[in-house]
PDB file of N, CA and C in Angstrom:
ATOM      1  N   UNK A   1     -24.273  54.145-133.034  1.00  0.00           N
ATOM      2  CA  UNK A   1     -25.638  53.554-133.831  1.00  0.00           C
ATOM      3  C   UNK A   1     -26.296  52.610-132.271  1.00  0.00           C
ATOM      4  N   UNK A   2     -25.925  52.184-131.428  1.00  0.00           N
ATOM      5  CA  UNK A   2     -26.986  52.100-130.817  1.00  0.00           C
ATOM      6  C   UNK A   2     -27.544  53.509-129.732  1.00  0.00           C
ATOM      7  N   UNK A   3     -27.295  54.385-129.604  1.00  0.00           N
ATOM      8  CA  UNK A   3     -28.086  55.417-129.402  1.00  0.00           C
ATOM      9  C   UNK A   3     -29.561  56.058-129.965  1.00  0.00           C
ATOM     10  N   UNK A   4     -29.092  55.620-131.383  1.00  0.00           N
ATOM     11  CA  UNK A   4     -30.154  55.543-132.485  1.00  0.00           C
ATOM     12  C   UNK A   4     -31.355  54.958-131.812  1.00  0.00           C
ATOM     13  N   UNK A   5     -30.965  53.722-131.589  1.00  0.00           N
ATOM     14  CA  UNK A   5     -31.899  52.728-131.628  1.00  0.00           C
ATOM     15  C   UNK A   5     -32.911  52.968-130.295  1.00  0.00           C
ATOM     16  N   UNK A   6     -32.054  53.179-129.191  1.00  0.00           N
ATOM     17  CA  UNK A   6     -32.431  53.728-127.833  1.00  0.00           C
ATOM     18  C   UNK A   6     -33.572  54.969-127.739  1.00  0.00           C
ATOM     19  N   UNK A   7     -33.333  55.833-128.323  1.00  0.00           N
ATOM     20  CA  UNK A   7     -34.561  56.819-128.424  1.00  0.00           C
ATOM     21  C   UNK A   7     -36.455  56.410-128.719  1.00  0.00           C
ATOM     22  N   UNK A   8     -36.221  55.940-129.726  1.00  0.00           N
ATOM     23  CA  UNK A   8     -37.385  55.321-129.507  1.00  0.00           C
ATOM     24  C   UNK A   8     -37.592  54.642-128.641  1.00  0.00           C
ATOM     25  N   UNK A   9     -36.648  53.021-128.388  1.00  0.00           N
ATOM     26  CA  UNK A   9     -37.879  52.053-127.131  1.00  0.00           C
ATOM     27  C   UNK A   9     -37.505  53.201-126.609  1.00  0.00           C
ATOM     28  N   UNK A  10     -37.046  54.170-125.856  1.00  0.00           N
ATOM     29  CA  UNK A  10     -37.683  54.800-124.614  1.00  0.00           C
ATOM     30  C   UNK A  10     -38.694  55.458-124.611  1.00  0.00           C
ATOM     31  N   UNK A  11     -38.809  56.438-126.201  1.00  0.00           N
ATOM     32  CA  UNK A  11     -40.451  56.961-126.272  1.00  0.00           C
ATOM     33  C   UNK A  11     -41.633  55.646-126.227  1.00  0.00           C
ATOM     34  N   UNK A  12     -40.886  54.629-126.717  1.00  0.00           N
ATOM     35  CA  UNK A  12     -42.377  54.387-126.694  1.00  0.00           C
ATOM     36  C   UNK A  12     -42.289  53.660-125.130  1.00  0.00           C
ATOM     37  N   UNK A  13     -41.758  53.582-124.342  1.00  0.00           N
ATOM     38  CA  UNK A  13     -42.078  52.991-123.198  1.00  0.00           C
ATOM     39  C   UNK A  13     -42.251  53.946-122.013  1.00  0.00           C
ATOM     40  N   UNK A  14     -41.955  55.488-122.432  1.00  0.00           N
ATOM     41  CA  UNK A  14     -42.750  56.479-121.668  1.00  0.00           C
ATOM     42  C   UNK A  14     -43.944  56.838-122.399  1.00  0.00           C
ATOM     43  N   UNK A  15     -44.574  56.609-123.449  1.00  0.00           N
ATOM     44  CA  UNK A  15     -46.056  56.777-123.992  1.00  0.00           C
ATOM     45  C   UNK A  15     -46.861  55.507-123.192  1.00  0.00           C
ATOM     46  N   UNK A  16     -46.141  54.174-123.463  1.00  0.00           N
ATOM     47  CA  UNK A  16     -46.915  53.195-123.016  1.00  0.00           C
ATOM     48  C   UNK A  16     -47.259  53.693-120.930  1.00  0.00           C
ATOM     49  N   UNK A  17     -46.366  53.519-120.691  1.00  0.00           N
ATOM     50  CA  UNK A  17     -46.373  54.464-119.640  1.00  0.00           C
ATOM     51  C   UNK A  17     -47.735  55.773-119.064  1.00  0.00           C
ATOM     52  N   UNK A  18     -47.279  56.635-119.697  1.00  0.00           N
ATOM     53  CA  UNK A  18     -48.195  57.493-119.909  1.00  0.00           C
ATOM     54  C   UNK A  18     -50.371  56.931-120.422  1.00  0.00           C
ATOM     55  N   UNK A  19     -49.879  55.704-121.083  1.00  0.00           N
ATOM     56  CA  UNK A  19     -51.590  55.460-121.357  1.00  0.00           C
ATOM     57  C   UNK A  19     -52.112  54.585-120.542  1.00  0.00           C
ATOM     58  N   UNK A  20     -50.799  53.787-119.970  1.00  0.00           N
ATOM     59  CA  UNK A  20     -51.194  53.109-118.459  1.00  0.00           C
ATOM     60  C   UNK A  20     -51.378  54.039-117.579  1.00  0.00           C
ATOM     61  N   UNK A  21     -51.382  54.940-117.361  1.00  0.00           N
ATOM     62  CA  UNK A  21     -51.594  56.251-116.192  1.00  0.00           C
ATOM     63  C   UNK A  21     -53.185  56.337-116.482  1.00  0.00           C
ATOM     64  N   UNK A  22     -53.217  57.001-117.563  1.00  0.00           N
ATOM     65  CA  UNK A  22     -54.391  57.159-117.871  1.00  0.00           C
ATOM     66  C   UNK A  22     -55.981  56.120-118.038  1.00  0.00           C
ATOM     67  N   UNK A  23     -55.077  55.197-118.790  1.00  0.00           N
ATOM     68  CA  UNK A  23     -55.910  53.919-118.265  1.00  0.00           C
ATOM     69  C   UNK A  23     -56.337  53.524-116.877  1.00  0.00           C
ATOM     70  N   UNK A  24     -55.793  53.456-116.070  1.00  0.00           N
ATOM     71  CA  UNK A  24     -56.102  53.180-114.343  1.00  0.00           C
ATOM     72  C   UNK A  24     -57.004  54.559-114.173  1.00  0.00           C
ATOM     73  N   UNK A  25     -56.501  55.726-114.229  1.00  0.00           N
ATOM     74  CA  UNK A  25     -57.719  56.456-114.038  1.00  0.00           C
ATOM     75  C   UNK A  25     -58.954  56.370-114.516  1.00  0.00           C
ATOM     76  N   UNK A  26     -59.266  56.110-115.649  1.00  0.00           N
ATOM     77  CA  UNK A  26     -60.460  55.606-116.188  1.00  0.00           C
ATOM     78  C   UNK A  26     -61.169  54.638-115.583  1.00  0.00           C
ATOM     79  N   UNK A  27     -60.339  53.882-115.097  1.00  0.00           N
ATOM     80  CA  UNK A  27     -61.241  52.573-114.726  1.00  0.00           C
ATOM     81  C   UNK A  27     -61.316  53.131-112.983  1.00  0.00           C
ATOM     82  N   UNK A  28     -60.562  53.717-112.511  1.00  0.00           N
ATOM     83  CA  UNK A  28     -60.997  53.946-111.190  1.00  0.00           C
ATOM     84  C   UNK A  28     -62.476  54.828-110.856  1.00  0.00           C
ATOM     85  N   UNK A  29     -62.377  55.504-112.309  1.00  0.00           N
ATOM     86  CA  UNK A  29     -63.434  56.912-112.696  1.00  0.00           C
ATOM     87  C   UNK A  29     -65.172  55.620-112.760  1.00  0.00           C
ATOM     88  N   UNK A  30     -64.647  54.674-113.455  1.00  0.00           N
ATOM     89  CA  UNK A  30     -65.476  53.673-113.781  1.00  0.00           C
ATOM     90  C   UNK A  30     -66.271  52.510-113.004  1.00  0.00           C
ATOM     91  N   UNK A  31     -65.245  52.418-111.950  1.00  0.00           N
ATOM     92  CA  UNK A  31     -65.610  51.659-110.563  1.00  0.00           C
ATOM     93  C   UNK A  31     -66.474  52.825-110.078  1.00  0.00           C
ATOM     94  N   UNK A  32     -65.503  53.476-109.445  1.00  0.00           N
ATOM     95  CA  UNK A  32     -67.132  55.152-109.017  1.00  0.00           C
ATOM     96  C   UNK A  32     -68.114  55.307-109.588  1.00  0.00           C
ATOM     97  N   UNK A  33     -68.204  55.416-110.960  1.00  0.00           N
ATOM     98  CA  UNK A  33     -69.692  55.895-111.432  1.00  0.00           C
ATOM     99  C   UNK A  33     -70.465  54.674-110.894  1.00  0.00           C
ATOM    100  N   UNK A  34     -69.917  53.088-110.957  1.00  0.00           N
ATOM    101  CA  UNK A  34     -70.382  51.559-111.184  1.00  0.00           C
ATOM    102  C   UNK A  34     -71.319  52.071-109.745  1.00  0.00           C
ATOM    103  N   UNK A  35     -70.521  52.226-108.714  1.00  0.00           N
ATOM    104  CA  UNK A  35     -70.761  52.014-106.810  1.00  0.00           C
ATOM    105  C   UNK A  35     -72.145  53.427-106.959  1.00  0.00           C
ATOM    106  N   UNK A  36     -71.887  54.069-108.006  1.00  0.00           N
ATOM    107  CA  UNK A  36     -72.971  55.285-107.244  1.00  0.00           C
ATOM    108  C   UNK A  36     -73.927  55.223-108.472  1.00  0.00           C
ATOM    109  N   UNK A  37     -74.161  54.456-109.731  1.00  0.00           N
ATOM    110  CA  UNK A  37     -75.102  53.568-109.907  1.00  0.00           C
ATOM    111  C   UNK A  37     -75.831  53.256-109.311  1.00  0.00           C
ATOM    112  N   UNK A  38     -75.387  52.000-108.366  1.00  0.00           N
ATOM    113  CA  UNK A  38     -76.099  50.964-107.829  1.00  0.00           C
ATOM    114  C   UNK A  38     -76.798  52.128-106.358  1.00  0.00           C
ATOM    115  N   UNK A  39     -75.996  52.965-106.152  1.00  0.00           N
ATOM    116  CA  UNK A  39     -76.462  53.628-104.466  1.00  0.00           C
ATOM    117  C   UNK A  39     -77.959  54.098-105.084  1.00  0.00           C
ATOM    118  N   UNK A  40     -77.701  54.833-107.133  1.00  0.00           N
ATOM    119  CA  UNK A  40     -79.125  54.867-107.264  1.00  0.00           C
ATOM    120  C   UNK A  40     -79.980  54.177-107.561  1.00  0.00           C
ATOM    121  N   UNK A  41     -79.550  52.778-107.473  1.00  0.00           N
ATOM    122  CA  UNK A  41     -81.119  51.847-108.003  1.00  0.00           C
ATOM    123  C   UNK A  41     -81.847  51.934-106.703  1.00  0.00           C
ATOM    124  N   UNK A  42     -81.001  51.589-105.564  1.00  0.00           N
ATOM    125  CA  UNK A  42     -81.514  51.308-104.193  1.00  0.00           C
ATOM    126  C   UNK A  42     -82.430  52.154-103.977  1.00  0.00           C
ATOM    127  N   UNK A  43     -82.136  53.138-104.125  1.00  0.00           N
ATOM    128  CA  UNK A  43     -83.076  54.873-103.888  1.00  0.00           C
ATOM    129  C   UNK A  43     -84.736  54.651-104.724  1.00  0.00           C
ATOM    130  N   UNK A  44     -84.033  53.816-105.852  1.00  0.00           N
ATOM    131  CA  UNK A  44     -85.602  53.901-106.284  1.00  0.00           C
ATOM    132  C   UNK A  44     -87.326  53.311-105.457  1.00  0.00           C
ATOM    133  N   UNK A  45     -86.517  52.348-104.958  1.00  0.00           N
ATOM    134  CA  UNK A  45     -87.933  51.664-104.062  1.00  0.00           C
ATOM    135  C   UNK A  45     -88.575  52.735-103.537  1.00  0.00           C
ATOM    136  N   UNK A  46     -87.333  53.155-102.382  1.00  0.00           N
ATOM    137  CA  UNK A  46     -87.848  54.315-101.776  1.00  0.00           C
ATOM    138  C   UNK A  46     -88.541  55.813-102.143  1.00  0.00           C
ATOM    139  N   UNK A  47     -88.176  55.693-102.751  1.00  0.00           N
ATOM    140  CA  UNK A  47     -88.369  57.091-104.264  1.00  0.00           C
ATOM    141  C   UNK A  47     -90.070  56.748-104.372  1.00  0.00           C
ATOM    142  N   UNK A  48     -90.195  55.570-104.869  1.00  0.00           N
ATOM    143  CA  UNK A  48     -91.701  55.269-105.405  1.00  0.00           C
ATOM    144  C   UNK A  48     -92.536  54.884-103.814  1.00  0.00           C
ATOM    145  N   UNK A  49     -91.966  54.843-102.849  1.00  0.00           N
ATOM    146  CA  UNK A  49     -92.688  55.169-101.903  1.00  0.00           C
ATOM    147  C   UNK A  49     -93.498  56.515-101.346  1.00  0.00           C
ATOM    148  N   UNK A  50     -92.507  57.132-101.636  1.00  0.00           N
ATOM    149  CA  UNK A  50     -92.472  58.693-101.305  1.00  0.00           C
ATOM    150  C   UNK A  50     -93.384  59.314-102.304  1.00  0.00           C
ATOM    151  N   UNK A  51     -93.281  59.060-103.356  1.00  0.00           N
ATOM    152  CA  UNK A  51     -94.385  59.286-104.404  1.00  0.00           C
ATOM    153  C   UNK A  51     -95.787  58.912-104.407  1.00  0.00           C
ATOM    154  N   UNK A  52     -95.701  57.413-103.731  1.00  0.00           N
ATOM    155  CA  UNK A  52     -97.368  56.758-103.527  1.00  0.00           C
ATOM    156  C   UNK A  52     -97.635  57.599-101.891  1.00  0.00           C
ATOM    157  N   UNK A  53     -97.111  58.396-101.087  1.00  0.00           N
ATOM    158  CA  UNK A  53     -97.683  58.251-100.061  1.00  0.00           C
ATOM    159  C   UNK A  53     -97.835  60.219-100.466  1.00  0.00           C
ATOM    160  N   UNK A  54     -97.052  61.056-101.475  1.00  0.00           N
ATOM    161  CA  UNK A  54     -97.528  62.203-102.013  1.00  0.00           C
ATOM    162  C   UNK A  54     -98.927  62.082-102.012  1.00  0.00           C
ATOM    163  N   UNK A  55     -98.794  61.190-103.801  1.00  0.00           N
ATOM    164  CA  UNK A  55    -100.046  61.167-104.297  1.00  0.00           C
ATOM    165  C   UNK A  55    -101.456  60.597-102.911  1.00  0.00           C
ATOM    166  N   UNK A  56    -101.219  60.066-102.385  1.00  0.00           N
ATOM    167  CA  UNK A  56    -102.283  59.768-101.235  1.00  0.00           C
ATOM    168  C   UNK A  56    -102.416  60.920-100.574  1.00  0.00           C
ATOM    169  N   UNK A  57    -101.766  61.261-100.330  1.00  0.00           N
ATOM    170  CA  UNK A  57    -101.794  62.614 -99.039  1.00  0.00           C
ATOM    171  C   UNK A  57    -102.507  64.139-100.039  1.00  0.00           C
ATOM    172  N   UNK A  58    -102.323  63.825-100.906  1.00  0.00           N
ATOM    173  CA  UNK A  58    -102.855  65.001-101.936  1.00  0.00           C
ATOM    174  C   UNK A  58    -104.328  64.375-102.365  1.00  0.00           C
ATOM    175  N   UNK A  59    -104.772  63.449-102.404  1.00  0.00           N
ATOM    176  CA  UNK A  59    -106.379  62.804-102.426  1.00  0.00           C
ATOM    177  C   UNK A  59    -107.081  63.213-101.743  1.00  0.00           C
ATOM    178  N   UNK A  60    -106.489  62.648-100.405  1.00  0.00           N
ATOM    179  CA  UNK A  60    -106.944  63.372 -99.002  1.00  0.00           C
ATOM    180  C   UNK A  60    -107.221  64.465 -98.975  1.00  0.00           C
ATOM    181  N   UNK A  61    -106.598  65.524 -99.016  1.00  0.00           N
ATOM    182  CA  UNK A  61    -106.767  66.539 -99.387  1.00  0.00           C
ATOM    183  C   UNK A  61    -107.447  67.195 -99.944  1.00  0.00           C
ATOM    184  N   UNK A  62    -107.986  66.974-101.032  1.00  0.00           N
ATOM    185  CA  UNK A  62    -108.464  67.257-102.169  1.00  0.00           C
ATOM    186  C   UNK A  62    -110.208  66.243-101.548  1.00  0.00           C
ATOM    187  N   UNK A  63    -110.340  65.633-101.242  1.00  0.00           N
ATOM    188  CA  UNK A  63    -111.580  64.756-100.362  1.00  0.00           C
ATOM    189  C   UNK A  63    -111.845  65.905 -99.455  1.00  0.00           C
ATOM    190  N   UNK A  64    -110.815  66.303 -98.214  1.00  0.00           N
ATOM    191  CA  UNK A  64    -111.593  67.168 -97.840  1.00  0.00           C
ATOM    192  C   UNK A  64    -111.652  68.450 -97.722  1.00  0.00           C
ATOM    193  N   UNK A  65    -111.279  68.723 -99.104  1.00  0.00           N
ATOM    194  CA  UNK A  65    -111.657  70.550 -99.631  1.00  0.00           C
ATOM    195  C   UNK A  65    -113.093  70.099-100.070  1.00  0.00           C
ATOM    196  N   UNK A  66    -112.974  69.376-100.769  1.00  0.00           N
ATOM    197  CA  UNK A  66    -114.606  69.176-101.551  1.00  0.00           C
ATOM    198  C   UNK A  66    -115.742  68.846-100.406  1.00  0.00           C
ATOM    199  N   UNK A  67    -115.349  68.117 -99.107  1.00  0.00           N
ATOM    200  CA  UNK A  67    -116.324  68.248 -97.938  1.00  0.00           C
ATOM    201  C   UNK A  67    -116.882  69.431 -97.506  1.00  0.00           C
ATOM    202  N   UNK A  68    -115.353  69.703 -97.369  1.00  0.00           N
ATOM    203  CA  UNK A  68    -115.319  71.353 -96.250  1.00  0.00           C
ATOM    204  C   UNK A  68    -114.890  72.490 -97.440  1.00  0.00           C
ATOM    205  N   UNK A  69    -115.704  72.810 -98.002  1.00  0.00           N
ATOM    206  CA  UNK A  69    -115.061  74.076 -98.548  1.00  0.00           C
ATOM    207  C   UNK A  69    -115.164  75.237 -98.129  1.00  0.00           C
ATOM    208  N   UNK A  70    -113.733  76.169 -97.884  1.00  0.00           N
ATOM    209  CA  UNK A  70    -113.998  77.157 -97.833  1.00  0.00           C
ATOM    210  C   UNK A  70    -114.974  78.358 -98.210  1.00  0.00           C
ATOM    211  N   UNK A  71    -115.111  79.243 -97.023  1.00  0.00           N
ATOM    212  CA  UNK A  71    -116.026  80.551 -97.396  1.00  0.00           C
ATOM    213  C   UNK A  71    -115.737  81.330 -97.800  1.00  0.00           C
ATOM    214  N   UNK A  72    -116.770  82.143 -99.169  1.00  0.00           N
ATOM    215  CA  UNK A  72    -116.138  83.282 -99.762  1.00  0.00           C
ATOM    216  C   UNK A  72    -115.745  84.037 -98.042  1.00  0.00           C
ATOM    217  N   UNK A  73    -114.726  84.773 -99.190  1.00  0.00           N
ATOM    218  CA  UNK A  73    -114.256  85.958 -98.081  1.00  0.00           C
ATOM    219  C   UNK A  73    -115.080  86.760 -97.842  1.00  0.00           C
ATOM    220  N   UNK A  74    -116.333  87.139 -98.275  1.00  0.00           N
ATOM    221  CA  UNK A  74    -117.255  88.216 -97.620  1.00  0.00           C
ATOM    222  C   UNK A  74    -118.007  87.653 -96.558  1.00  0.00           C
ATOM    223  N   UNK A  75    -118.187  86.214 -96.257  1.00  0.00           N
ATOM    224  CA  UNK A  75    -118.795  85.932 -95.537  1.00  0.00           C
ATOM    225  C   UNK A  75    -117.760  85.877 -94.463  1.00  0.00           C
ATOM    226  N   UNK A  76    -116.584  86.039 -93.975  1.00  0.00           N
ATOM    227  CA  UNK A  76    -115.486  85.823 -92.813  1.00  0.00           C
ATOM    228  C   UNK A  76    -115.689  87.090 -91.597  1.00  0.00           C
ATOM    229  N   UNK A  77    -116.235  87.988 -92.507  1.00  0.00           N
ATOM    230  CA  UNK A  77    -115.737  89.494 -91.291  1.00  0.00           C
ATOM    231  C   UNK A  77    -117.501  89.700 -90.741  1.00  0.00           C
TER     232      UNK A  77
END
């Protein structure tokens, strides 16, 4: 009779161990994801600076093109 009661207890213990192992892996993945999100948020201001510099460069290039247009191809020869 005691062996009959041991099987469900062992099965429950095994299932609990498997769930705990999966939960630990999920916790580790969540921590890694949080670190990655923090790194990406730190890149935001730098990326905004690059975008502003790119916008400024495009505006300067457009102004330069307006002030100094290219000659038509017929006039180059």
